[in-house]
Amino acid sequence: MEKTQELTINVITRWDADAARMLYEHFYGALVSYGMRILQDRESAEDVVQDTMAALWERKTVLPNNAALKAYLYNSVRNKCLSLLRRQRSESLDPLAMSKYEEFRVTDDGNEQFFPEEVYRQLFLMIDQMPPRQREVFLMAMEGKKNKEISEALGIAIETVRTNKKRAMAFLKKNLDKEALGLLVVILKSFSFFS
């Protein structure tokens, strides 16, 4: 199975090794990011996401479409994170604090509600399609590394770093929708990506 094959409910409900790999590739990073936003701890967020994916796999949960799959995954992670926080604090969480972690929703017309982690997921799927060096440079820049640091770490010229960053941005502009691209620009500005 090719990595670029589209993730669909039909692919997932085959419940085979390729489906498991695709599910992981398409959702793991975004779900961990979402869990970290709630828990403020990467290791705990990773545990929650692994538990969520394992539960989906063990139960072979029947879902009607991709939107339902996304809703199931994000809402399961949200609920497990909030339960973990409750157990850690041995008290109930303030309803106002809980409300900032919205549920993933699908509107009546079938469109998905804006959800930052879903935009991140789309972004990282596109980043995975970049040539290896370009991807490596881009991810290091997203981590906040300066051109000189990237150049030294990879043993390439600073101009090569700049060229790879420009090509990566051109690729993303061509392939991301406006919402995802807008979020990307905000993220990159916070990391001084454009300097």
N, C-alpha and C. Protein backbone atom coordinates (compact mmCIF):
# COMPACT_ATOMS: atom_id res chain seq x y z
N MET A 1 0.85 -1.18 0.00
CA MET A 1 0.00 0.00 0.00
C MET A 1 0.89 1.23 0.00
N GLU A 2 0.60 2.20 -0.81
CA GLU A 2 1.38 3.42 -0.86
C GLU A 2 1.04 4.32 0.31
N LYS A 3 2.05 5.03 0.79
CA LYS A 3 1.85 5.94 1.91
C LYS A 3 0.86 7.04 1.56
N THR A 4 0.81 7.43 0.29
CA THR A 4 -0.03 8.54 -0.11
C THR A 4 -1.48 8.12 -0.36
N GLN A 5 -1.80 6.84 -0.20
CA GLN A 5 -3.18 6.41 -0.38
C GLN A 5 -4.07 7.18 0.60
N GLU A 6 -5.21 7.57 0.13
CA GLU A 6 -6.11 8.35 0.96
C GLU A 6 -6.68 7.49 2.09
N LEU A 7 -6.70 8.07 3.28
CA LEU A 7 -7.26 7.39 4.43
C LEU A 7 -8.78 7.50 4.36
N THR A 8 -9.45 6.39 4.25
CA THR A 8 -10.91 6.37 4.23
C THR A 8 -11.41 5.36 5.25
N ILE A 9 -12.67 5.43 5.56
CA ILE A 9 -13.26 4.46 6.48
C ILE A 9 -13.10 3.06 5.93
N ASN A 10 -13.24 2.90 4.62
CA ASN A 10 -13.09 1.56 4.03
C ASN A 10 -11.69 1.01 4.26
N VAL A 11 -10.69 1.87 4.18
CA VAL A 11 -9.30 1.43 4.43
C VAL A 11 -9.14 1.05 5.89
N ILE A 12 -9.60 1.89 6.80
CA ILE A 12 -9.45 1.64 8.24
C ILE A 12 -10.18 0.37 8.65
N THR A 13 -11.38 0.18 8.17
CA THR A 13 -12.19 -0.96 8.64
C THR A 13 -11.74 -2.30 8.06
N ARG A 14 -10.64 -2.28 7.33
CA ARG A 14 -10.03 -3.57 6.96
C ARG A 14 -9.31 -4.14 8.18
N TRP A 15 -8.96 -3.26 9.13
CA TRP A 15 -8.31 -3.63 10.39
C TRP A 15 -7.06 -4.48 10.15
N ASP A 16 -6.25 -4.09 9.17
CA ASP A 16 -5.00 -4.80 8.91
C ASP A 16 -3.81 -3.91 9.28
N ALA A 17 -2.60 -4.43 9.08
CA ALA A 17 -1.39 -3.70 9.47
C ALA A 17 -1.25 -2.39 8.70
N ASP A 18 -1.60 -2.39 7.41
CA ASP A 18 -1.51 -1.16 6.62
C ASP A 18 -2.49 -0.10 7.14
N ALA A 19 -3.67 -0.54 7.52
CA ALA A 19 -4.66 0.40 8.07
C ALA A 19 -4.16 0.99 9.39
N ALA A 20 -3.55 0.17 10.22
CA ALA A 20 -3.01 0.65 11.50
C ALA A 20 -1.92 1.69 11.26
N ARG A 21 -1.02 1.41 10.30
CA ARG A 21 0.06 2.33 9.98
C ARG A 21 -0.50 3.66 9.47
N MET A 22 -1.49 3.58 8.60
CA MET A 22 -2.07 4.81 8.04
C MET A 22 -2.78 5.62 9.12
N LEU A 23 -3.50 4.94 9.99
CA LEU A 23 -4.18 5.63 11.08
C LEU A 23 -3.16 6.37 11.94
N TYR A 24 -2.07 5.70 12.25
CA TYR A 24 -1.01 6.32 13.05
C TYR A 24 -0.40 7.50 12.31
N GLU A 25 -0.05 7.33 11.03
CA GLU A 25 0.57 8.41 10.26
C GLU A 25 -0.33 9.62 10.12
N HIS A 26 -1.62 9.39 9.98
CA HIS A 26 -2.55 10.48 9.74
C HIS A 26 -2.96 11.23 11.00
N PHE A 27 -2.95 10.57 12.15
CA PHE A 27 -3.54 11.20 13.33
C PHE A 27 -2.64 11.33 14.55
N TYR A 28 -1.61 10.52 14.68
CA TYR A 28 -0.85 10.47 15.93
C TYR A 28 -0.32 11.84 16.35
N GLY A 29 0.39 12.53 15.48
CA GLY A 29 0.99 13.81 15.83
C GLY A 29 -0.03 14.85 16.26
N ALA A 30 -1.13 14.95 15.52
CA ALA A 30 -2.15 15.95 15.85
C ALA A 30 -2.84 15.61 17.17
N LEU A 31 -3.09 14.32 17.40
CA LEU A 31 -3.75 13.93 18.65
C LEU A 31 -2.83 14.16 19.85
N VAL A 32 -1.55 13.90 19.69
CA VAL A 32 -0.60 14.18 20.78
C VAL A 32 -0.55 15.69 21.06
N SER A 33 -0.54 16.48 20.01
CA SER A 33 -0.55 17.94 20.17
C SER A 33 -1.79 18.38 20.94
N TYR A 34 -2.93 17.82 20.59
CA TYR A 34 -4.18 18.15 21.28
C TYR A 34 -4.12 17.72 22.74
N GLY A 35 -3.62 16.51 23.00
CA GLY A 35 -3.50 16.03 24.38
C GLY A 35 -2.54 16.88 25.19
N MET A 36 -1.45 17.32 24.56
CA MET A 36 -0.49 18.18 25.27
C MET A 36 -1.10 19.52 25.63
N ARG A 37 -1.99 20.02 24.77
CA ARG A 37 -2.64 21.29 25.08
C ARG A 37 -3.46 21.18 26.35
N ILE A 38 -4.02 20.02 26.59
CA ILE A 38 -4.84 19.81 27.79
C ILE A 38 -3.97 19.45 29.00
N LEU A 39 -3.07 18.49 28.81
CA LEU A 39 -2.30 17.94 29.93
C LEU A 39 -1.02 18.69 30.25
N GLN A 40 -0.49 19.44 29.27
CA GLN A 40 0.79 20.13 29.44
C GLN A 40 1.93 19.15 29.71
N ASP A 41 1.82 17.93 29.18
CA ASP A 41 2.85 16.92 29.39
C ASP A 41 2.85 15.97 28.19
N ARG A 42 3.97 15.94 27.46
CA ARG A 42 4.04 15.14 26.23
C ARG A 42 3.90 13.64 26.50
N GLU A 43 4.60 13.14 27.50
CA GLU A 43 4.57 11.70 27.78
C GLU A 43 3.15 11.24 28.11
N SER A 44 2.46 11.99 28.94
CA SER A 44 1.08 11.62 29.29
C SER A 44 0.17 11.70 28.06
N ALA A 45 0.37 12.74 27.24
CA ALA A 45 -0.44 12.88 26.02
C ALA A 45 -0.20 11.71 25.08
N GLU A 46 1.06 11.29 24.93
CA GLU A 46 1.37 10.14 24.07
C GLU A 46 0.69 8.88 24.59
N ASP A 47 0.71 8.68 25.92
CA ASP A 47 0.05 7.51 26.52
C ASP A 47 -1.44 7.52 26.23
N VAL A 48 -2.06 8.68 26.38
CA VAL A 48 -3.50 8.80 26.12
C VAL A 48 -3.82 8.47 24.66
N VAL A 49 -3.03 9.00 23.75
CA VAL A 49 -3.26 8.76 22.31
C VAL A 49 -3.07 7.29 21.98
N GLN A 50 -2.03 6.67 22.52
CA GLN A 50 -1.82 5.25 22.27
C GLN A 50 -2.97 4.42 22.81
N ASP A 51 -3.46 4.76 24.01
CA ASP A 51 -4.61 4.06 24.58
C ASP A 51 -5.85 4.23 23.70
N THR A 52 -6.06 5.44 23.20
CA THR A 52 -7.21 5.73 22.36
C THR A 52 -7.17 4.92 21.07
N MET A 53 -6.01 4.91 20.42
CA MET A 53 -5.88 4.15 19.17
C MET A 53 -6.01 2.65 19.42
N ALA A 54 -5.43 2.19 20.51
CA ALA A 54 -5.54 0.76 20.85
C ALA A 54 -6.99 0.37 21.11
N ALA A 55 -7.73 1.23 21.81
CA ALA A 55 -9.14 0.94 22.09
C ALA A 55 -9.95 0.88 20.80
N LEU A 56 -9.70 1.82 19.90
CA LEU A 56 -10.38 1.81 18.60
C LEU A 56 -10.09 0.50 17.88
N TRP A 57 -8.85 0.10 17.90
CA TRP A 57 -8.42 -1.10 17.18
C TRP A 57 -9.00 -2.36 17.81
N GLU A 58 -8.95 -2.45 19.14
CA GLU A 58 -9.46 -3.65 19.83
C GLU A 58 -10.96 -3.81 19.65
N ARG A 59 -11.68 -2.70 19.71
CA ARG A 59 -13.15 -2.76 19.59
C ARG A 59 -13.60 -2.84 18.14
N LYS A 60 -12.68 -2.49 17.23
CA LYS A 60 -13.04 -2.42 15.80
C LYS A 60 -14.33 -1.61 15.63
N THR A 61 -14.29 -0.44 16.24
CA THR A 61 -15.43 0.46 16.27
C THR A 61 -15.91 0.78 14.86
N VAL A 62 -17.20 0.64 14.63
CA VAL A 62 -17.78 0.92 13.31
C VAL A 62 -18.15 2.40 13.26
N LEU A 63 -17.58 3.10 12.30
CA LEU A 63 -17.85 4.52 12.12
C LEU A 63 -18.30 4.75 10.68
N PRO A 64 -19.26 5.63 10.46
CA PRO A 64 -19.83 5.78 9.12
C PRO A 64 -18.97 6.52 8.09
N ASN A 65 -18.07 7.42 8.55
CA ASN A 65 -17.29 8.22 7.60
C ASN A 65 -16.06 8.80 8.29
N ASN A 66 -15.23 9.50 7.51
CA ASN A 66 -14.00 10.08 8.05
C ASN A 66 -14.26 11.12 9.13
N ALA A 67 -15.30 11.92 8.95
CA ALA A 67 -15.61 12.94 9.96
C ALA A 67 -15.94 12.28 11.30
N ALA A 68 -16.67 11.18 11.25
CA ALA A 68 -17.00 10.45 12.49
C ALA A 68 -15.74 9.85 13.11
N LEU A 69 -14.81 9.39 12.28
CA LEU A 69 -13.54 8.86 12.78
C LEU A 69 -12.76 9.96 13.51
N LYS A 70 -12.66 11.13 12.88
CA LYS A 70 -11.95 12.25 13.51
C LYS A 70 -12.63 12.64 14.82
N ALA A 71 -13.94 12.73 14.79
CA ALA A 71 -14.68 13.10 16.01
C ALA A 71 -14.42 12.09 17.11
N TYR A 72 -14.48 10.80 16.75
CA TYR A 72 -14.22 9.75 17.74
C TYR A 72 -12.83 9.90 18.36
N LEU A 73 -11.82 10.06 17.51
CA LEU A 73 -10.45 10.14 18.01
C LEU A 73 -10.21 11.37 18.88
N TYR A 74 -10.58 12.55 18.37
CA TYR A 74 -10.35 13.78 19.13
C TYR A 74 -11.16 13.81 20.43
N ASN A 75 -12.41 13.40 20.36
CA ASN A 75 -13.24 13.43 21.57
C ASN A 75 -12.80 12.39 22.58
N SER A 76 -12.33 11.24 22.12
CA SER A 76 -11.81 10.22 23.04
C SER A 76 -10.56 10.74 23.76
N VAL A 77 -9.66 11.36 22.99
CA VAL A 77 -8.45 11.91 23.60
C VAL A 77 -8.83 13.00 24.60
N ARG A 78 -9.74 13.87 24.22
CA ARG A 78 -10.18 14.94 25.11
C ARG A 78 -10.73 14.37 26.41
N ASN A 79 -11.63 13.41 26.30
CA ASN A 79 -12.26 12.84 27.49
C ASN A 79 -11.25 12.10 28.37
N LYS A 80 -10.33 11.37 27.76
CA LYS A 80 -9.32 10.65 28.55
C LYS A 80 -8.37 11.63 29.24
N CYS A 81 -8.02 12.71 28.56
CA CYS A 81 -7.15 13.72 29.18
C CYS A 81 -7.84 14.38 30.37
N LEU A 82 -9.09 14.74 30.19
CA LEU A 82 -9.82 15.38 31.29
C LEU A 82 -10.00 14.41 32.47
N SER A 83 -10.24 13.13 32.18
CA SER A 83 -10.34 12.13 33.25
C SER A 83 -9.01 12.00 33.99
N LEU A 84 -7.92 12.00 33.24
CA LEU A 84 -6.60 11.91 33.86
C LEU A 84 -6.34 13.13 34.76
N LEU A 85 -6.71 14.31 34.29
CA LEU A 85 -6.54 15.51 35.11
C LEU A 85 -7.36 15.42 36.39
N ARG A 86 -8.58 14.92 36.27
CA ARG A 86 -9.42 14.77 37.46
C ARG A 86 -8.77 13.83 38.47
N ARG A 87 -8.26 12.70 37.98
CA ARG A 87 -7.61 11.73 38.88
C ARG A 87 -6.36 12.32 39.52
N GLN A 88 -5.58 13.05 38.74
CA GLN A 88 -4.35 13.64 39.26
C GLN A 88 -4.64 14.69 40.32
N ARG A 89 -5.69 15.41 40.15
CA ARG A 89 -6.01 16.50 41.07
C ARG A 89 -6.96 16.06 42.19
N SER A 90 -7.47 14.83 42.10
CA SER A 90 -8.40 14.29 43.10
C SER A 90 -9.56 15.22 43.38
N GLU A 91 -9.99 15.91 42.37
CA GLU A 91 -11.12 16.82 42.50
C GLU A 91 -11.74 17.01 41.12
N SER A 92 -12.92 17.58 41.13
CA SER A 92 -13.54 17.83 39.83
C SER A 92 -12.94 19.10 39.22
N LEU A 93 -12.86 19.09 37.91
CA LEU A 93 -12.33 20.26 37.21
C LEU A 93 -13.39 21.33 37.09
N ASP A 94 -12.96 22.54 37.11
CA ASP A 94 -13.84 23.68 36.93
C ASP A 94 -14.50 23.58 35.54
N PRO A 95 -15.85 23.63 35.47
CA PRO A 95 -16.52 23.53 34.16
C PRO A 95 -16.04 24.58 33.16
N LEU A 96 -15.68 25.77 33.64
CA LEU A 96 -15.18 26.81 32.75
C LEU A 96 -13.83 26.38 32.14
N ALA A 97 -12.98 25.79 32.96
CA ALA A 97 -11.68 25.31 32.47
C ALA A 97 -11.88 24.18 31.46
N MET A 98 -12.84 23.31 31.72
CA MET A 98 -13.10 22.20 30.81
C MET A 98 -13.67 22.68 29.48
N SER A 99 -14.43 23.75 29.50
CA SER A 99 -15.11 24.20 28.29
C SER A 99 -14.14 24.71 27.22
N LYS A 100 -12.91 25.07 27.62
CA LYS A 100 -11.98 25.56 26.62
C LYS A 100 -11.45 24.43 25.73
N TYR A 101 -11.70 23.18 26.12
CA TYR A 101 -11.30 22.04 25.29
C TYR A 101 -12.55 21.51 24.59
N GLU A 102 -12.88 22.20 23.49
CA GLU A 102 -14.10 21.89 22.77
C GLU A 102 -14.08 20.51 22.16
N GLU A 103 -15.28 19.97 21.99
CA GLU A 103 -15.41 18.70 21.29
C GLU A 103 -15.27 18.95 19.80
N PHE A 104 -14.80 17.93 19.11
CA PHE A 104 -14.72 17.97 17.65
C PHE A 104 -16.14 17.78 17.13
N ARG A 105 -16.59 18.68 16.27
CA ARG A 105 -17.97 18.62 15.81
C ARG A 105 -18.04 18.62 14.29
N VAL A 106 -19.11 18.03 13.82
CA VAL A 106 -19.44 18.06 12.40
C VAL A 106 -20.77 18.79 12.29
N THR A 107 -20.85 19.80 11.44
CA THR A 107 -22.07 20.58 11.31
C THR A 107 -23.13 19.77 10.56
N ASP A 108 -24.36 20.27 10.56
CA ASP A 108 -25.47 19.57 9.91
C ASP A 108 -25.23 19.33 8.42
N ASP A 109 -24.47 20.22 7.79
CA ASP A 109 -24.20 20.05 6.36
C ASP A 109 -22.98 19.17 6.10
N GLY A 110 -22.42 18.54 7.16
CA GLY A 110 -21.32 17.60 6.99
C GLY A 110 -19.94 18.20 7.06
N ASN A 111 -19.85 19.53 7.24
CA ASN A 111 -18.54 20.17 7.34
C ASN A 111 -18.01 20.06 8.76
N GLU A 112 -16.69 20.00 8.87
CA GLU A 112 -16.07 19.92 10.18
C GLU A 112 -15.87 21.31 10.75
N GLN A 113 -16.11 21.42 12.04
CA GLN A 113 -15.88 22.68 12.74
C GLN A 113 -14.38 22.94 12.76
N PHE A 114 -13.97 24.20 12.67
CA PHE A 114 -12.54 24.52 12.75
C PHE A 114 -11.95 23.93 14.01
N PHE A 115 -10.84 23.28 13.86
CA PHE A 115 -10.20 22.58 14.97
C PHE A 115 -8.71 22.65 14.74
N PRO A 116 -7.96 23.41 15.53
CA PRO A 116 -6.54 23.64 15.25
C PRO A 116 -5.74 22.35 15.05
N GLU A 117 -5.99 21.33 15.85
CA GLU A 117 -5.22 20.10 15.71
C GLU A 117 -5.48 19.40 14.38
N GLU A 118 -6.68 19.55 13.86
CA GLU A 118 -6.97 18.96 12.55
C GLU A 118 -6.20 19.71 11.47
N VAL A 119 -6.05 20.99 11.63
CA VAL A 119 -5.24 21.76 10.68
C VAL A 119 -3.78 21.34 10.80
N TYR A 120 -3.30 21.14 12.02
CA TYR A 120 -1.94 20.64 12.23
C TYR A 120 -1.76 19.28 11.55
N ARG A 121 -2.75 18.44 11.68
CA ARG A 121 -2.67 17.11 11.07
C ARG A 121 -2.49 17.23 9.56
N GLN A 122 -3.29 18.10 8.94
CA GLN A 122 -3.18 18.30 7.50
C GLN A 122 -1.80 18.85 7.14
N LEU A 123 -1.32 19.78 7.95
CA LEU A 123 -0.01 20.36 7.72
C LEU A 123 1.08 19.29 7.76
N PHE A 124 1.07 18.44 8.77
CA PHE A 124 2.11 17.43 8.89
C PHE A 124 2.01 16.36 7.82
N LEU A 125 0.83 16.10 7.32
CA LEU A 125 0.70 15.18 6.18
C LEU A 125 1.40 15.76 4.96
N MET A 126 1.26 17.08 4.76
CA MET A 126 1.94 17.72 3.63
C MET A 126 3.45 17.76 3.85
N ILE A 127 3.88 18.04 5.07
CA ILE A 127 5.31 18.07 5.37
C ILE A 127 5.93 16.70 5.09
N ASP A 128 5.22 15.64 5.41
CA ASP A 128 5.72 14.29 5.15
C ASP A 128 5.93 14.01 3.66
N GLN A 129 5.29 14.78 2.80
CA GLN A 129 5.42 14.57 1.36
C GLN A 129 6.58 15.37 0.74
N MET A 130 7.24 16.18 1.55
CA MET A 130 8.38 16.97 1.05
C MET A 130 9.58 16.05 0.83
N PRO A 131 10.51 16.47 -0.04
CA PRO A 131 11.77 15.72 -0.16
C PRO A 131 12.47 15.70 1.20
N PRO A 132 13.23 14.65 1.50
CA PRO A 132 13.81 14.48 2.85
C PRO A 132 14.59 15.68 3.38
N ARG A 133 15.50 16.25 2.61
CA ARG A 133 16.31 17.37 3.10
C ARG A 133 15.43 18.59 3.36
N GLN A 134 14.51 18.85 2.46
CA GLN A 134 13.60 19.98 2.60
C GLN A 134 12.77 19.82 3.87
N ARG A 135 12.26 18.62 4.09
CA ARG A 135 11.46 18.32 5.28
C ARG A 135 12.30 18.53 6.54
N GLU A 136 13.53 18.03 6.52
CA GLU A 136 14.42 18.14 7.68
C GLU A 136 14.69 19.61 8.03
N VAL A 137 14.99 20.40 7.02
CA VAL A 137 15.25 21.83 7.23
C VAL A 137 13.99 22.51 7.76
N PHE A 138 12.86 22.23 7.14
CA PHE A 138 11.60 22.87 7.52
C PHE A 138 11.23 22.54 8.98
N LEU A 139 11.35 21.27 9.37
CA LEU A 139 11.00 20.88 10.73
C LEU A 139 11.94 21.51 11.76
N MET A 140 13.21 21.60 11.42
CA MET A 140 14.16 22.26 12.34
C MET A 140 13.80 23.74 12.48
N ALA A 141 13.41 24.37 11.38
CA ALA A 141 13.01 25.77 11.44
C ALA A 141 11.74 25.93 12.28
N MET A 142 10.82 24.97 12.16
CA MET A 142 9.59 25.02 12.97
C MET A 142 9.89 24.85 14.46
N GLU A 143 10.99 24.20 14.78
CA GLU A 143 11.40 24.04 16.18
C GLU A 143 12.03 25.32 16.72
N GLY A 144 12.20 26.32 15.84
CA GLY A 144 12.74 27.60 16.28
C GLY A 144 14.22 27.76 16.02
N LYS A 145 14.83 26.80 15.35
CA LYS A 145 16.25 26.90 15.06
C LYS A 145 16.50 27.95 13.98
N LYS A 146 17.58 28.71 14.14
CA LYS A 146 17.97 29.74 13.19
C LYS A 146 18.68 29.09 12.00
N ASN A 147 18.76 29.84 10.90
CA ASN A 147 19.40 29.31 9.70
C ASN A 147 20.82 28.81 9.97
N LYS A 148 21.58 29.56 10.76
CA LYS A 148 22.95 29.18 11.06
C LYS A 148 23.00 27.86 11.83
N GLU A 149 22.09 27.71 12.81
CA GLU A 149 22.05 26.47 13.59
C GLU A 149 21.72 25.26 12.70
N ILE A 150 20.76 25.45 11.80
CA ILE A 150 20.37 24.38 10.88
C ILE A 150 21.55 24.04 9.97
N SER A 151 22.19 25.08 9.46
CA SER A 151 23.35 24.90 8.58
C SER A 151 24.43 24.07 9.26
N GLU A 152 24.75 24.43 10.49
CA GLU A 152 25.79 23.72 11.23
C GLU A 152 25.37 22.29 11.57
N ALA A 153 24.13 22.12 11.98
CA ALA A 153 23.65 20.79 12.37
C ALA A 153 23.63 19.82 11.18
N LEU A 154 23.28 20.33 10.01
CA LEU A 154 23.17 19.47 8.83
C LEU A 154 24.41 19.48 7.95
N GLY A 155 25.33 20.38 8.25
CA GLY A 155 26.54 20.46 7.45
C GLY A 155 26.29 20.95 6.03
N ILE A 156 25.39 21.93 5.91
CA ILE A 156 25.07 22.52 4.60
C ILE A 156 25.23 24.03 4.68
N ALA A 157 25.32 24.66 3.51
CA ALA A 157 25.48 26.11 3.46
C ALA A 157 24.20 26.81 3.93
N ILE A 158 24.35 28.00 4.49
CA ILE A 158 23.20 28.78 4.94
C ILE A 158 22.26 29.06 3.76
N GLU A 159 22.82 29.33 2.61
CA GLU A 159 21.98 29.59 1.42
C GLU A 159 21.16 28.36 1.05
N THR A 160 21.70 27.18 1.27
CA THR A 160 20.94 25.93 1.02
C THR A 160 19.78 25.82 2.00
N VAL A 161 20.00 26.24 3.22
CA VAL A 161 18.93 26.26 4.23
C VAL A 161 17.82 27.19 3.75
N ARG A 162 18.19 28.40 3.35
CA ARG A 162 17.20 29.38 2.89
C ARG A 162 16.42 28.85 1.68
N THR A 163 17.13 28.25 0.74
CA THR A 163 16.49 27.72 -0.47
C THR A 163 15.49 26.62 -0.12
N ASN A 164 15.89 25.72 0.80
CA ASN A 164 14.98 24.65 1.21
C ASN A 164 13.75 25.19 1.92
N LYS A 165 13.93 26.22 2.74
CA LYS A 165 12.79 26.82 3.43
C LYS A 165 11.83 27.46 2.42
N LYS A 166 12.38 28.16 1.42
CA LYS A 166 11.53 28.79 0.40
C LYS A 166 10.77 27.74 -0.40
N ARG A 167 11.46 26.68 -0.79
CA ARG A 167 10.79 25.61 -1.56
C ARG A 167 9.71 24.92 -0.73
N ALA A 168 9.99 24.74 0.56
CA ALA A 168 9.00 24.11 1.44
C ALA A 168 7.75 24.99 1.55
N MET A 169 7.95 26.29 1.70
CA MET A 169 6.80 27.20 1.78
C MET A 169 6.02 27.23 0.48
N ALA A 170 6.72 27.20 -0.65
CA ALA A 170 6.02 27.18 -1.95
C ALA A 170 5.19 25.91 -2.08
N PHE A 171 5.74 24.79 -1.65
CA PHE A 171 5.02 23.52 -1.69
C PHE A 171 3.76 23.58 -0.82
N LEU A 172 3.91 24.12 0.39
CA LEU A 172 2.77 24.20 1.31
C LEU A 172 1.71 25.18 0.79
N LYS A 173 2.13 26.31 0.24
CA LYS A 173 1.17 27.26 -0.32
C LYS A 173 0.35 26.63 -1.42
N LYS A 174 0.99 25.79 -2.19
CA LYS A 174 0.32 25.13 -3.31
C LYS A 174 -0.66 24.05 -2.83
N ASN A 175 -0.35 23.40 -1.71
CA ASN A 175 -1.10 22.21 -1.31
C ASN A 175 -2.01 22.35 -0.10
N LEU A 176 -1.90 23.43 0.66
CA LEU A 176 -2.75 23.59 1.85
C LEU A 176 -3.93 24.50 1.55
N ASP A 177 -5.04 24.27 2.26
CA ASP A 177 -6.16 25.19 2.11
C ASP A 177 -5.85 26.47 2.88
N LYS A 178 -6.66 27.51 2.67
CA LYS A 178 -6.38 28.84 3.24
C LYS A 178 -6.33 28.81 4.76
N GLU A 179 -7.21 28.05 5.40
CA GLU A 179 -7.26 27.98 6.85
C GLU A 179 -5.95 27.40 7.41
N ALA A 180 -5.52 26.29 6.84
CA ALA A 180 -4.29 25.65 7.30
C ALA A 180 -3.08 26.54 7.02
N LEU A 181 -3.07 27.17 5.86
CA LEU A 181 -1.95 28.05 5.50
C LEU A 181 -1.88 29.25 6.44
N GLY A 182 -3.02 29.81 6.78
CA GLY A 182 -3.06 30.94 7.71
C GLY A 182 -2.51 30.56 9.08
N LEU A 183 -2.91 29.39 9.57
CA LEU A 183 -2.41 28.91 10.86
C LEU A 183 -0.90 28.67 10.78
N LEU A 184 -0.45 28.11 9.68
CA LEU A 184 0.98 27.85 9.50
C LEU A 184 1.78 29.15 9.58
N VAL A 185 1.32 30.19 8.91
CA VAL A 185 2.04 31.47 8.92
C VAL A 185 2.13 32.02 10.34
N VAL A 186 1.05 31.92 11.11
CA VAL A 186 1.07 32.38 12.51
C VAL A 186 2.10 31.58 13.31
N ILE A 187 2.11 30.27 13.13
CA ILE A 187 3.06 29.41 13.86
C ILE A 187 4.49 29.78 13.48
N LEU A 188 4.74 29.92 12.19
CA LEU A 188 6.09 30.18 11.74
C LEU A 188 6.59 31.55 12.17
N LYS A 189 5.71 32.54 12.23
CA LYS A 189 6.13 33.86 12.71
C LYS A 189 6.56 33.78 14.17
N SER A 190 5.88 32.96 14.95
CA SER A 190 6.24 32.85 16.36
C SER A 190 7.62 32.19 16.54
N PHE A 191 8.07 31.43 15.53
CA PHE A 191 9.38 30.80 15.58
C PHE A 191 10.43 31.58 14.79
N SER A 192 10.11 32.79 14.36
CA SER A 192 11.02 33.60 13.55
C SER A 192 11.48 32.85 12.30
N PHE A 193 10.59 32.07 11.72
CA PHE A 193 10.90 31.25 10.55
C PHE A 193 11.35 32.08 9.37
N PHE A 194 10.76 33.26 9.21
CA PHE A 194 11.01 34.07 8.01
C PHE A 194 12.25 34.93 8.11
N SER A 195 13.02 34.80 9.20
CA SER A 195 14.23 35.62 9.34
C SER A 195 15.44 34.93 8.77
